[in-house]
Amino acid sequence: VILVNKWDLVEKDTMSTRDYELKIREELQPWTDVPILFVSAL
């Protein structure tokens, strides 16, 4: 499971989460069926 932490520190627009997730999945090829969540421990 991939957790993108410190999400509260990132400046966001309406596409931020989707774009960020797509970029990660591109790096994970060929295995892209992995859950990605945007979290903040703080």
All heavy atoms as atom14 arrays in JSON, in Angstrom:
{
  "sequence": "VILVNKWDLVEKDTMSTRDYELKIREELQPWTDVPILFVSAL",
  "atom14_mask": [
    [1, 1, 1, 1, 1, 1, 1, 0, 0, 0, 0, 0, 0, 0],
    [1, 1, 1, 1, 1, 1, 1, 1, 0, 0, 0, 0, 0, 0],
    [1, 1, 1, 1, 1, 1, 1, 1, 0, 0, 0, 0, 0, 0],
    [1, 1, 1, 1, 1, 1, 1, 0, 0, 0, 0, 0, 0, 0],
    [1, 1, 1, 1, 1, 1, 1, 1, 0, 0, 0, 0, 0, 0],
    [1, 1, 1, 1, 1, 1, 1, 1, 1, 0, 0, 0, 0, 0],
    [1, 1, 1, 1, 1, 1, 1, 1, 1, 1, 1, 1, 1, 1],
    [1, 1, 1, 1, 1, 1, 1, 1, 0, 0, 0, 0, 0, 0],
    [1, 1, 1, 1, 1, 1, 1, 1, 0, 0, 0, 0, 0, 0],
    [1, 1, 1, 1, 1, 1, 1, 0, 0, 0, 0, 0, 0, 0],
    [1, 1, 1, 1, 1, 1, 1, 1, 1, 0, 0, 0, 0, 0],
    [1, 1, 1, 1, 1, 1, 1, 1, 1, 0, 0, 0, 0, 0],
    [1, 1, 1, 1, 1, 1, 1, 1, 0, 0, 0, 0, 0, 0],
    [1, 1, 1, 1, 1, 1, 1, 0, 0, 0, 0, 0, 0, 0],
    [1, 1, 1, 1, 1, 1, 1, 1, 0, 0, 0, 0, 0, 0],
    [1, 1, 1, 1, 1, 1, 0, 0, 0, 0, 0, 0, 0, 0],
    [1, 1, 1, 1, 1, 1, 1, 0, 0, 0, 0, 0, 0, 0],
    [1, 1, 1, 1, 1, 1, 1, 1, 1, 1, 1, 0, 0, 0],
    [1, 1, 1, 1, 1, 1, 1, 1, 0, 0, 0, 0, 0, 0],
    [1, 1, 1, 1, 1, 1, 1, 1, 1, 1, 1, 1, 0, 0],
    [1, 1, 1, 1, 1, 1, 1, 1, 1, 0, 0, 0, 0, 0],
    [1, 1, 1, 1, 1, 1, 1, 1, 0, 0, 0, 0, 0, 0],
    [1, 1, 1, 1, 1, 1, 1, 1, 1, 0, 0, 0, 0, 0],
    [1, 1, 1, 1, 1, 1, 1, 1, 0, 0, 0, 0, 0, 0],
    [1, 1, 1, 1, 1, 1, 1, 1, 1, 1, 1, 0, 0, 0],
    [1, 1, 1, 1, 1, 1, 1, 1, 1, 0, 0, 0, 0, 0],
    [1, 1, 1, 1, 1, 1, 1, 1, 1, 0, 0, 0, 0, 0],
    [1, 1, 1, 1, 1, 1, 1, 1, 0, 0, 0, 0, 0, 0],
    [1, 1, 1, 1, 1, 1, 1, 1, 1, 0, 0, 0, 0, 0],
    [1, 1, 1, 1, 1, 1, 1, 0, 0, 0, 0, 0, 0, 0],
    [1, 1, 1, 1, 1, 1, 1, 1, 1, 1, 1, 1, 1, 1],
    [1, 1, 1, 1, 1, 1, 1, 0, 0, 0, 0, 0, 0, 0],
    [1, 1, 1, 1, 1, 1, 1, 1, 0, 0, 0, 0, 0, 0],
    [1, 1, 1, 1, 1, 1, 1, 0, 0, 0, 0, 0, 0, 0],
    [1, 1, 1, 1, 1, 1, 1, 0, 0, 0, 0, 0, 0, 0],
    [1, 1, 1, 1, 1, 1, 1, 1, 0, 0, 0, 0, 0, 0],
    [1, 1, 1, 1, 1, 1, 1, 1, 0, 0, 0, 0, 0, 0],
    [1, 1, 1, 1, 1, 1, 1, 1, 1, 1, 1, 0, 0, 0],
    [1, 1, 1, 1, 1, 1, 1, 0, 0, 0, 0, 0, 0, 0],
    [1, 1, 1, 1, 1, 1, 0, 0, 0, 0, 0, 0, 0, 0],
    [1, 1, 1, 1, 1, 0, 0, 0, 0, 0, 0, 0, 0, 0],
    [1, 1, 1, 1, 1, 1, 1, 1, 0, 0, 0, 0, 0, 0]
  ],
  "atom14_positions": [
    [[0.88, -1.17, 0.0], [0.0, 0.0, 0.0], [0.92, 1.22, 0.0], [1.86, 1.28, 0.79], [-0.91, 0.03, 1.25], [-1.75, 1.3, 1.27], [-1.79, -1.21, 1.3], [0.0, 0.0, 0.0], [0.0, 0.0, 0.0], [0.0, 0.0, 0.0], [0.0, 0.0, 0.0], [0.0, 0.0, 0.0], [0.0, 0.0, 0.0], [0.0, 0.0, 0.0]],
    [[0.66, 2.18, -0.88], [1.48, 3.39, -0.94], [0.74, 4.55, -0.28], [-0.41, 4.84, -0.65], [1.85, 3.74, -2.4], [2.73, 2.65, -2.99], [2.57, 5.09, -2.48], [3.06, 2.84, -4.46], [0.0, 0.0, 0.0], [0.0, 0.0, 0.0], [0.0, 0.0, 0.0], [0.0, 0.0, 0.0], [0.0, 0.0, 0.0], [0.0, 0.0, 0.0]],
    [[1.37, 5.17, 0.7], [0.79, 6.34, 1.37], [1.62, 7.56, 1.01], [2.83, 7.6, 1.28], [0.79, 6.16, 2.88], [0.03, 4.95, 3.46], [0.03, 5.02, 4.98], [-1.39, 4.89, 2.93], [0.0, 0.0, 0.0], [0.0, 0.0, 0.0], [0.0, 0.0, 0.0], [0.0, 0.0, 0.0], [0.0, 0.0, 0.0], [0.0, 0.0, 0.0]],
    [[0.99, 8.55, 0.39], [1.66, 9.81, 0.09], [1.44, 10.71, 1.31], [0.37, 11.29, 1.49], [1.1, 10.45, -1.2], [1.87, 11.72, -1.54], [1.18, 9.46, -2.36], [0.0, 0.0, 0.0], [0.0, 0.0, 0.0], [0.0, 0.0, 0.0], [0.0, 0.0, 0.0], [0.0, 0.0, 0.0], [0.0, 0.0, 0.0], [0.0, 0.0, 0.0]],
    [[2.46, 10.8, 2.16], [2.35, 11.53, 3.43], [2.69, 13.01, 3.24], [3.24, 13.4, 2.21], [3.29, 10.89, 4.46], [3.05, 11.41, 5.86], [1.95, 11.83, 6.21], [4.1, 11.41, 6.68], [0.0, 0.0, 0.0], [0.0, 0.0, 0.0], [0.0, 0.0, 0.0], [0.0, 0.0, 0.0], [0.0, 0.0, 0.0], [0.0, 0.0, 0.0]],
    [[2.35, 13.81, 4.23], [2.58, 15.27, 4.23], [1.78, 15.96, 3.12], [2.21, 16.97, 2.57], [4.07, 15.59, 4.09], [4.95, 14.89, 5.12], [6.41, 15.3, 5.01], [7.28, 14.49, 5.96], [8.71, 14.81, 5.85], [0.0, 0.0, 0.0], [0.0, 0.0, 0.0], [0.0, 0.0, 0.0], [0.0, 0.0, 0.0], [0.0, 0.0, 0.0]],
    [[0.61, 15.37, 2.79], [-0.22, 15.93, 1.72], [-0.75, 17.32, 2.08], [-1.08, 18.11, 1.22], [-1.37, 14.96, 1.41], [-2.1, 15.28, 0.13], [-3.42, 15.56, 0.0], [-1.56, 15.34, -1.19], [-3.74, 15.78, -1.32], [-2.6, 15.66, -2.07], [-0.29, 15.16, -1.72], [-2.44, 15.8, -3.45], [-0.1, 15.31, -3.09], [-1.16, 15.62, -3.93]],
    [[-0.79, 17.6, 3.39], [-1.26, 18.92, 3.84], [-0.26, 20.03, 3.5], [-0.61, 21.21, 3.52], [-1.51, 18.9, 5.34], [-0.29, 18.4, 6.13], [0.29, 17.38, 5.71], [0.09, 19.04, 7.12], [0.0, 0.0, 0.0], [0.0, 0.0, 0.0], [0.0, 0.0, 0.0], [0.0, 0.0, 0.0], [0.0, 0.0, 0.0], [0.0, 0.0, 0.0]],
    [[0.99, 19.66, 3.18], [2.01, 20.66, 2.88], [2.11, 20.99, 1.39], [2.86, 21.87, 1.0], [3.39, 20.18, 3.37], [3.51, 19.84, 4.85], [4.92, 19.38, 5.16], [3.14, 21.05, 5.71], [0.0, 0.0, 0.0], [0.0, 0.0, 0.0], [0.0, 0.0, 0.0], [0.0, 0.0, 0.0], [0.0, 0.0, 0.0], [0.0, 0.0, 0.0]],
    [[1.34, 20.27, 0.58], [1.43, 20.44, -0.88], [0.36, 21.4, -1.35], [-0.82, 21.27, -0.97], [1.28, 19.07, -1.6], [1.29, 19.24, -3.11], [2.38, 18.12, -1.16], [0.0, 0.0, 0.0], [0.0, 0.0, 0.0], [0.0, 0.0, 0.0], [0.0, 0.0, 0.0], [0.0, 0.0, 0.0], [0.0, 0.0, 0.0], [0.0, 0.0, 0.0]],
    [[0.76, 22.36, -2.19], [-0.23, 23.26, -2.8], [-1.0, 22.49, -3.85], [-0.42, 21.85, -4.73], [0.49, 24.46, -3.45], [1.09, 25.42, -2.44], [1.67, 26.65, -3.11], [1.29, 26.93, -4.27], [2.49, 27.33, -2.48], [0.0, 0.0, 0.0], [0.0, 0.0, 0.0], [0.0, 0.0, 0.0], [0.0, 0.0, 0.0], [0.0, 0.0, 0.0]],
    [[-2.33, 22.57, -3.76], [-3.15, 21.71, -4.63], [-4.05, 22.54, -5.54], [-4.47, 23.63, -5.2], [-4.03, 20.78, -3.77], [-3.26, 19.96, -2.77], [-4.19, 19.24, -1.85], [-3.6, 18.9, -0.51], [-2.82, 19.91, 0.14], [0.0, 0.0, 0.0], [0.0, 0.0, 0.0], [0.0, 0.0, 0.0], [0.0, 0.0, 0.0], [0.0, 0.0, 0.0]],
    [[-4.36, 21.95, -6.69], [-5.45, 22.46, -7.52], [-6.38, 21.28, -7.78], [-6.19, 20.21, -7.21], [-4.92, 23.07, -8.84], [-4.06, 22.09, -9.62], [-4.45, 20.91, -9.69], [-3.02, 22.5, -10.17], [0.0, 0.0, 0.0], [0.0, 0.0, 0.0], [0.0, 0.0, 0.0], [0.0, 0.0, 0.0], [0.0, 0.0, 0.0], [0.0, 0.0, 0.0]],
    [[-7.35, 21.43, -8.62], [-8.36, 20.37, -8.8], [-7.76, 19.08, -9.38], [-8.33, 18.02, -9.26], [-9.48, 20.86, -9.74], [-8.88, 21.38, -10.92], [-10.32, 21.93, -9.06], [0.0, 0.0, 0.0], [0.0, 0.0, 0.0], [0.0, 0.0, 0.0], [0.0, 0.0, 0.0], [0.0, 0.0, 0.0], [0.0, 0.0, 0.0], [0.0, 0.0, 0.0]],
    [[-6.61, 19.17, -10.03], [-6.03, 18.0, -10.68], [-4.88, 17.38, -9.87], [-4.35, 16.36, -10.27], [-5.48, 18.4, -12.07], [-6.52, 18.96, -13.02], [-7.64, 17.68, -13.58], [-6.63, 16.91, -14.84], [0.0, 0.0, 0.0], [0.0, 0.0, 0.0], [0.0, 0.0, 0.0], [0.0, 0.0, 0.0], [0.0, 0.0, 0.0], [0.0, 0.0, 0.0]],
    [[-4.49, 17.99, -8.77], [-3.27, 17.57, -8.08], [-3.23, 16.08, -7.75], [-2.28, 15.4, -8.09], [-3.1, 18.36, -6.78], [-2.68, 19.65, -7.06], [0.0, 0.0, 0.0], [0.0, 0.0, 0.0], [0.0, 0.0, 0.0], [0.0, 0.0, 0.0], [0.0, 0.0, 0.0], [0.0, 0.0, 0.0], [0.0, 0.0, 0.0], [0.0, 0.0, 0.0]],
    [[-4.27, 15.59, -7.08], [-4.27, 14.19, -6.63], [-4.18, 13.24, -7.81], [-3.38, 12.32, -7.82], [-5.56, 13.89, -5.82], [-5.69, 14.88, -4.81], [-5.49, 12.53, -5.19], [0.0, 0.0, 0.0], [0.0, 0.0, 0.0], [0.0, 0.0, 0.0], [0.0, 0.0, 0.0], [0.0, 0.0, 0.0], [0.0, 0.0, 0.0], [0.0, 0.0, 0.0]],
    [[-5.01, 13.49, -8.83], [-5.03, 12.6, -9.99], [-3.68, 12.6, -10.72], [-3.16, 11.54, -11.09], [-6.15, 13.0, -10.95], [-6.43, 11.92, -12.0], [-7.56, 12.31, -12.91], [-7.15, 13.35, -13.85], [-7.94, 13.86, -14.78], [-9.19, 13.46, -14.87], [-7.51, 14.78, -15.62], [0.0, 0.0, 0.0], [0.0, 0.0, 0.0], [0.0, 0.0, 0.0]],
    [[-3.13, 13.8, -10.93], [-1.85, 13.9, -11.64], [-0.74, 13.21, -10.87], [0.1, 12.52, -11.44], [-1.49, 15.37, -11.88], [-2.42, 16.05, -12.88], [-3.18, 15.3, -13.54], [-2.4, 17.28, -12.99], [0.0, 0.0, 0.0], [0.0, 0.0, 0.0], [0.0, 0.0, 0.0], [0.0, 0.0, 0.0], [0.0, 0.0, 0.0], [0.0, 0.0, 0.0]],
    [[-0.73, 13.42, -9.57], [0.3, 12.83, -8.71], [0.21, 11.3, -8.76], [1.22, 10.61, -8.89], [0.09, 13.33, -7.28], [1.34, 13.37, -6.43], [1.98, 14.56, -6.13], [1.88, 12.19, -5.91], [3.11, 14.6, -5.32], [3.01, 12.22, -5.11], [3.62, 13.42, -4.82], [4.75, 13.44, -4.03], [0.0, 0.0, 0.0], [0.0, 0.0, 0.0]],
    [[-1.03, 10.8, -8.69], [-1.24, 9.34, -8.72], [-0.81, 8.75, -10.05], [-0.15, 7.71, -10.1], [-2.71, 9.04, -8.43], [-3.0, 7.55, -8.33], [-4.44, 7.26, -7.93], [-5.05, 8.07, -7.2], [-4.94, 6.2, -8.36], [0.0, 0.0, 0.0], [0.0, 0.0, 0.0], [0.0, 0.0, 0.0], [0.0, 0.0, 0.0], [0.0, 0.0, 0.0]],
    [[-1.19, 9.43, -11.16], [-0.8, 8.94, -12.49], [0.72, 8.87, -12.64], [1.26, 7.92, -13.21], [-1.38, 9.84, -13.59], [-2.86, 9.64, -13.89], [-3.36, 10.72, -14.85], [-3.1, 8.25, -14.51], [0.0, 0.0, 0.0], [0.0, 0.0, 0.0], [0.0, 0.0, 0.0], [0.0, 0.0, 0.0], [0.0, 0.0, 0.0], [0.0, 0.0, 0.0]],
    [[1.4, 9.87, -12.1], [2.85, 9.91, -12.19], [3.47, 8.73, -11.45], [4.41, 8.08, -11.93], [3.37, 11.23, -11.61], [4.8, 11.52, -11.95], [5.21, 12.89, -11.46], [6.69, 13.15, -11.75], [7.16, 14.41, -11.18], [0.0, 0.0, 0.0], [0.0, 0.0, 0.0], [0.0, 0.0, 0.0], [0.0, 0.0, 0.0], [0.0, 0.0, 0.0]],
    [[2.93, 8.42, -10.26], [3.44, 7.27, -9.5], [3.2, 5.98, -10.27], [4.08, 5.14, -10.38], [2.79, 7.21, -8.1], [3.24, 8.4, -7.24], [3.13, 5.9, -7.4], [2.55, 8.49, -5.89], [0.0, 0.0, 0.0], [0.0, 0.0, 0.0], [0.0, 0.0, 0.0], [0.0, 0.0, 0.0], [0.0, 0.0, 0.0], [0.0, 0.0, 0.0]],
    [[1.98, 5.83, -10.81], [1.65, 4.58, -11.51], [2.53, 4.38, -12.75], [2.85, 3.26, -13.12], [0.17, 4.55, -11.88], [-0.74, 4.46, -10.66], [-2.14, 4.02, -10.97], [-3.01, 4.15, -9.81], [-3.05, 3.29, -8.8], [-2.27, 2.22, -8.82], [-3.86, 3.49, -7.77], [0.0, 0.0, 0.0], [0.0, 0.0, 0.0], [0.0, 0.0, 0.0]],
    [[2.9, 5.48, -13.4], [3.83, 5.36, -14.54], [5.16, 4.76, -14.1], [5.75, 3.95, -14.81], [4.07, 6.75, -15.15], [2.98, 7.22, -16.09], [3.2, 8.64, -16.58], [4.37, 9.09, -16.55], [2.22, 9.29, -16.97], [0.0, 0.0, 0.0], [0.0, 0.0, 0.0], [0.0, 0.0, 0.0], [0.0, 0.0, 0.0], [0.0, 0.0, 0.0]],
    [[5.61, 5.17, -12.92], [6.89, 4.67, -12.41], [6.8, 3.2, -11.97], [7.81, 2.51, -11.9], [7.35, 5.52, -11.21], [7.53, 6.99, -11.5], [8.75, 7.27, -12.37], [9.57, 6.35, -12.55], [8.87, 8.4, -12.88], [0.0, 0.0, 0.0], [0.0, 0.0, 0.0], [0.0, 0.0, 0.0], [0.0, 0.0, 0.0], [0.0, 0.0, 0.0]],
    [[5.58, 2.74, -11.64], [5.42, 1.38, -11.12], [5.24, 0.33, -12.21], [5.19, -0.86, -11.9], [4.2, 1.31, -10.19], [4.21, 2.19, -8.93], [2.97, 1.93, -8.11], [5.46, 1.91, -8.1], [0.0, 0.0, 0.0], [0.0, 0.0, 0.0], [0.0, 0.0, 0.0], [0.0, 0.0, 0.0], [0.0, 0.0, 0.0], [0.0, 0.0, 0.0]],
    [[5.11, 0.75, -13.45], [4.83, -0.23, -14.51], [5.89, -1.33, -14.52], [7.06, -1.06, -14.27], [4.79, 0.48, -15.86], [3.56, 1.35, -16.01], [3.47, 2.03, -17.36], [4.39, 1.98, -18.16], [2.38, 2.71, -17.6], [0.0, 0.0, 0.0], [0.0, 0.0, 0.0], [0.0, 0.0, 0.0], [0.0, 0.0, 0.0], [0.0, 0.0, 0.0]],
    [[5.49, -2.6, -14.81], [4.17, -3.04, -15.28], [3.15, -3.33, -14.17], [2.01, -3.62, -14.46], [4.5, -4.33, -16.02], [5.69, -4.88, -15.28], [6.47, -3.69, -14.82], [0.0, 0.0, 0.0], [0.0, 0.0, 0.0], [0.0, 0.0, 0.0], [0.0, 0.0, 0.0], [0.0, 0.0, 0.0], [0.0, 0.0, 0.0], [0.0, 0.0, 0.0]],
    [[3.56, -3.3, -12.9], [2.6, -3.63, -11.82], [2.02, -2.33, -11.26], [2.61, -1.67, -10.44], [3.28, -4.43, -10.72], [2.32, -4.85, -9.65], [1.01, -5.19, -9.81], [2.57, -4.95, -8.24], [0.43, -5.51, -8.6], [1.37, -5.38, -7.62], [3.69, -4.74, -7.46], [1.27, -5.59, -6.25], [3.58, -4.95, -6.09], [2.38, -5.37, -5.49]],
    [[0.83, -1.99, -11.74], [0.22, -0.72, -11.35], [-1.03, -0.89, -10.47], [-1.61, 0.09, -10.03], [-0.17, 0.11, -12.58], [-1.07, -0.68, -13.38], [1.06, 0.47, -13.4], [0.0, 0.0, 0.0], [0.0, 0.0, 0.0], [0.0, 0.0, 0.0], [0.0, 0.0, 0.0], [0.0, 0.0, 0.0], [0.0, 0.0, 0.0], [0.0, 0.0, 0.0]],
    [[-1.42, -2.15, -10.22], [-2.64, -2.41, -9.44], [-2.32, -2.34, -7.94], [-2.38, -3.33, -7.22], [-3.19, -3.79, -9.82], [-4.57, -4.04, -9.21], [-5.25, -3.05, -8.85], [-4.95, -5.22, -9.07], [0.0, 0.0, 0.0], [0.0, 0.0, 0.0], [0.0, 0.0, 0.0], [0.0, 0.0, 0.0], [0.0, 0.0, 0.0], [0.0, 0.0, 0.0]],
    [[-1.94, -1.13, -7.52], [-1.51, -0.91, -6.13], [-2.31, 0.27, -5.58], [-2.41, 1.31, -6.23], [0.0, -0.58, -6.07], [0.43, -0.3, -4.65], [0.81, -1.72, -6.66], [0.0, 0.0, 0.0], [0.0, 0.0, 0.0], [0.0, 0.0, 0.0], [0.0, 0.0, 0.0], [0.0, 0.0, 0.0], [0.0, 0.0, 0.0], [0.0, 0.0, 0.0]],
    [[-2.9, 0.15, -4.37], [-3.64, 1.28, -3.8], [-2.7, 2.43, -3.42], [-1.65, 2.2, -2.82], [-4.33, 0.68, -2.57], [-3.6, -0.57, -2.26], [-2.97, -1.05, -3.52], [0.0, 0.0, 0.0], [0.0, 0.0, 0.0], [0.0, 0.0, 0.0], [0.0, 0.0, 0.0], [0.0, 0.0, 0.0], [0.0, 0.0, 0.0], [0.0, 0.0, 0.0]],
    [[-3.09, 3.66, -3.78], [-2.32, 4.86, -3.45], [-3.24, 5.8, -2.7], [-4.29, 6.19, -3.22], [-1.76, 5.54, -4.72], [-0.84, 4.58, -5.48], [-1.02, 6.83, -4.37], [-0.42, 5.08, -6.86], [0.0, 0.0, 0.0], [0.0, 0.0, 0.0], [0.0, 0.0, 0.0], [0.0, 0.0, 0.0], [0.0, 0.0, 0.0], [0.0, 0.0, 0.0]],
    [[-2.88, 6.17, -1.47], [-3.7, 7.07, -0.66], [-2.9, 8.31, -0.28], [-1.69, 8.23, -0.05], [-4.17, 6.37, 0.62], [-5.29, 5.34, 0.46], [-4.72, 3.98, 0.16], [-6.13, 5.25, 1.72], [0.0, 0.0, 0.0], [0.0, 0.0, 0.0], [0.0, 0.0, 0.0], [0.0, 0.0, 0.0], [0.0, 0.0, 0.0], [0.0, 0.0, 0.0]],
    [[-3.58, 9.44, -0.19], [-2.95, 10.71, 0.17], [-3.32, 11.02, 1.61], [-4.49, 11.21, 1.93], [-3.41, 11.81, -0.79], [-2.95, 11.55, -2.21], [-3.67, 10.71, -3.05], [-1.79, 12.12, -2.69], [-3.24, 10.45, -4.34], [-1.35, 11.88, -3.97], [-2.07, 11.04, -4.79], [0.0, 0.0, 0.0], [0.0, 0.0, 0.0], [0.0, 0.0, 0.0]],
    [[-2.32, 11.04, 2.49], [-2.58, 11.14, 3.92], [-1.72, 12.24, 4.55], [-0.8, 12.77, 3.93], [-2.3, 9.79, 4.64], [-3.1, 8.67, 4.04], [-0.8, 9.46, 4.61], [0.0, 0.0, 0.0], [0.0, 0.0, 0.0], [0.0, 0.0, 0.0], [0.0, 0.0, 0.0], [0.0, 0.0, 0.0], [0.0, 0.0, 0.0], [0.0, 0.0, 0.0]],
    [[-2.02, 12.53, 5.79], [-1.18, 13.43, 6.58], [-1.13, 12.9, 8.01], [-2.15, 12.83, 8.68], [-1.73, 14.85, 6.58], [-1.06, 15.62, 7.57], [0.0, 0.0, 0.0], [0.0, 0.0, 0.0], [0.0, 0.0, 0.0], [0.0, 0.0, 0.0], [0.0, 0.0, 0.0], [0.0, 0.0, 0.0], [0.0, 0.0, 0.0], [0.0, 0.0, 0.0]],
    [[0.07, 12.48, 8.45], [0.22, 11.98, 9.82], [0.01, 13.11, 10.82], [-0.47, 12.88, 11.93], [1.61, 11.37, 9.99], [0.0, 0.0, 0.0], [0.0, 0.0, 0.0], [0.0, 0.0, 0.0], [0.0, 0.0, 0.0], [0.0, 0.0, 0.0], [0.0, 0.0, 0.0], [0.0, 0.0, 0.0], [0.0, 0.0, 0.0], [0.0, 0.0, 0.0]],
    [[0.32, 14.33, 10.39], [0.22, 15.48, 11.31], [-1.24, 15.82, 11.6], [-1.64, 16.0, 12.76], [0.94, 16.69, 10.69], [1.17, 17.88, 11.61], [2.13, 17.51, 12.73], [1.72, 19.07, 10.82], [0.0, 0.0, 0.0], [0.0, 0.0, 0.0], [0.0, 0.0, 0.0], [0.0, 0.0, 0.0], [0.0, 0.0, 0.0], [0.0, 0.0, 0.0]]
  ]
}
